[in-house]
C-alpha cells in the first residue's frame, strides 16, 4: 500500500522528489502518512477534498488485511 500511495502522489504533484510516505501499524489500523511539498498540497487534496477522498478509497480497496483498517493521513 505504501508503494501505491507513493506512486499516486508522485503522479499528482509538481515536485515528486518531495513526496514521502511513512507506514505505521497498530493492532487495528495501518496508518499511511503522506507528506508533499507545501505548494503541492492543494493538488493532493483537491477541491472540497475530492482527490483526497479518491486516494483514500483506492488505498482502502487495496487493503488485503481484513482485520486492519487502512488510514491515509495527509500531513502538513
C-alpha atoms as a PDB file:
ATOM      1  CA  UNK A   1       0.000   0.000   0.000  1.00  0.00           C
ATOM      2  CA  UNK A   2       2.876   2.341   0.737  1.00  0.00           C
ATOM      3  CA  UNK A   3       4.209   1.944  -2.805  1.00  0.00           C
ATOM      4  CA  UNK A   4       0.762   2.508  -4.306  1.00  0.00           C
ATOM      5  CA  UNK A   5       0.233   5.716  -2.319  1.00  0.00           C
ATOM      6  CA  UNK A   6       3.701   6.954  -3.256  1.00  0.00           C
ATOM      7  CA  UNK A   7       3.025   6.279  -6.940  1.00  0.00           C
ATOM      8  CA  UNK A   8      -0.354   8.042  -6.901  1.00  0.00           C
ATOM      9  CA  UNK A   9       1.020  11.083  -5.066  1.00  0.00           C
ATOM     10  CA  UNK A  10       4.037  11.419  -7.367  1.00  0.00           C
ATOM     11  CA  UNK A  11       1.758  11.430 -10.417  1.00  0.00           C
ATOM     12  CA  UNK A  12      -0.326  14.288  -8.964  1.00  0.00           C
ATOM     13  CA  UNK A  13       2.338  16.734  -7.788  1.00  0.00           C
ATOM     14  CA  UNK A  14       4.849  19.070  -9.445  1.00  0.00           C
ATOM     15  CA  UNK A  15       7.653  18.095  -7.033  1.00  0.00           C
ATOM     16  CA  UNK A  16       7.670  14.268  -6.972  1.00  0.00           C
ATOM     17  CA  UNK A  17      11.055  14.180  -5.212  1.00  0.00           C
ATOM     18  CA  UNK A  18       9.460  15.714  -2.112  1.00  0.00           C
ATOM     19  CA  UNK A  19       6.799  13.003  -1.738  1.00  0.00           C
ATOM     20  CA  UNK A  20       7.294  10.728   1.250  1.00  0.00           C
ATOM     21  CA  UNK A  21       5.087   8.099   2.834  1.00  0.00           C
ATOM     22  CA  UNK A  22       5.580   6.590   6.268  1.00  0.00           C
ATOM     23  CA  UNK A  23       3.699   3.467   7.275  1.00  0.00           C
ATOM     24  CA  UNK A  24       2.788   2.648  10.880  1.00  0.00           C
ATOM     25  CA  UNK A  25       0.738  -0.246  12.180  1.00  0.00           C
ATOM     26  CA  UNK A  26      -1.353  -0.581  15.282  1.00  0.00           C
ATOM     27  CA  UNK A  27      -3.493  -3.507  16.383  1.00  0.00           C
ATOM     28  CA  UNK A  28      -6.458  -2.267  14.347  1.00  0.00           C
ATOM     29  CA  UNK A  29      -5.059   0.137  11.740  1.00  0.00           C
ATOM     30  CA  UNK A  30      -2.455   0.584   9.050  1.00  0.00           C
ATOM     31  CA  UNK A  31      -1.664   4.301   9.036  1.00  0.00           C
ATOM     32  CA  UNK A  32      -0.035   5.843   5.971  1.00  0.00           C
ATOM     33  CA  UNK A  33       1.301   9.372   6.497  1.00  0.00           C
ATOM     34  CA  UNK A  34       1.670  11.273   3.219  1.00  0.00           C
ATOM     35  CA  UNK A  35       3.906  14.334   3.026  1.00  0.00           C
ATOM     36  CA  UNK A  36       4.243  16.545  -0.060  1.00  0.00           C
ATOM     37  CA  UNK A  37       5.733  19.972  -0.784  1.00  0.00           C
ATOM     38  CA  UNK A  38       3.667  22.851   0.588  1.00  0.00           C
ATOM     39  CA  UNK A  39       2.860  24.145  -2.911  1.00  0.00           C
ATOM     40  CA  UNK A  40       1.565  20.693  -3.933  1.00  0.00           C
ATOM     41  CA  UNK A  41      -0.822  20.307  -1.003  1.00  0.00           C
ATOM     42  CA  UNK A  42      -3.803  21.603  -2.994  1.00  0.00           C
ATOM     43  CA  UNK A  43      -3.181  19.103  -5.786  1.00  0.00           C
ATOM     44  CA  UNK A  44      -3.271  16.204  -3.365  1.00  0.00           C
ATOM     45  CA  UNK A  45      -6.358  17.432  -1.509  1.00  0.00           C
ATOM     46  CA  UNK A  46      -8.348  18.776  -4.472  1.00  0.00           C
ATOM     47  CA  UNK A  47     -11.466  20.926  -4.485  1.00  0.00           C
ATOM     48  CA  UNK A  48     -13.592  20.126  -1.468  1.00  0.00           C
ATOM     49  CA  UNK A  49     -11.239  17.223  -0.689  1.00  0.00           C
ATOM     50  CA  UNK A  50     -12.310  15.142  -3.685  1.00  0.00           C
ATOM     51  CA  UNK A  51      -8.805  13.985  -4.638  1.00  0.00           C
ATOM     52  CA  UNK A  52      -8.011  13.082  -1.016  1.00  0.00           C
ATOM     53  CA  UNK A  53     -11.253  11.089  -0.769  1.00  0.00           C
ATOM     54  CA  UNK A  54     -10.435   9.253  -4.001  1.00  0.00           C
ATOM     55  CA  UNK A  55      -6.915   8.424  -2.783  1.00  0.00           C
ATOM     56  CA  UNK A  56      -8.331   7.107   0.495  1.00  0.00           C
ATOM     57  CA  UNK A  57     -10.879   4.978  -1.398  1.00  0.00           C
ATOM     58  CA  UNK A  58      -8.177   3.402  -3.585  1.00  0.00           C
ATOM     59  CA  UNK A  59      -5.947   2.652  -0.592  1.00  0.00           C
ATOM     60  CA  UNK A  60      -8.901   1.244   1.350  1.00  0.00           C
ATOM     61  CA  UNK A  61      -9.775  -1.022  -1.595  1.00  0.00           C
ATOM     62  CA  UNK A  62      -6.177  -2.239  -1.886  1.00  0.00           C
ATOM     63  CA  UNK A  63      -6.034  -3.288   1.779  1.00  0.00           C
ATOM     64  CA  UNK A  64      -5.647  -7.076   1.958  1.00  0.00           C
ATOM     65  CA  UNK A  65      -5.858  -7.375   5.727  1.00  0.00           C
ATOM     66  CA  UNK A  66      -9.500  -7.744   6.797  1.00  0.00           C
ATOM     67  CA  UNK A  67      -8.585  -7.243  10.456  1.00  0.00           C
ATOM     68  CA  UNK A  68      -6.995  -3.813   9.958  1.00  0.00           C
ATOM     69  CA  UNK A  69      -8.382  -0.570   8.620  1.00  0.00           C
ATOM     70  CA  UNK A  70      -6.232   1.407   6.145  1.00  0.00           C
ATOM     71  CA  UNK A  71      -5.983   5.112   7.006  1.00  0.00           C
ATOM     72  CA  UNK A  72      -4.323   7.839   4.914  1.00  0.00           C
ATOM     73  CA  UNK A  73      -3.218  10.977   6.763  1.00  0.00           C
ATOM     74  CA  UNK A  74      -2.096  13.932   4.662  1.00  0.00           C
ATOM     75  CA  UNK A  75       0.427  15.745   6.809  1.00  0.00           C
ATOM     76  CA  UNK A  76       1.392  19.431   6.760  1.00  0.00           C
END
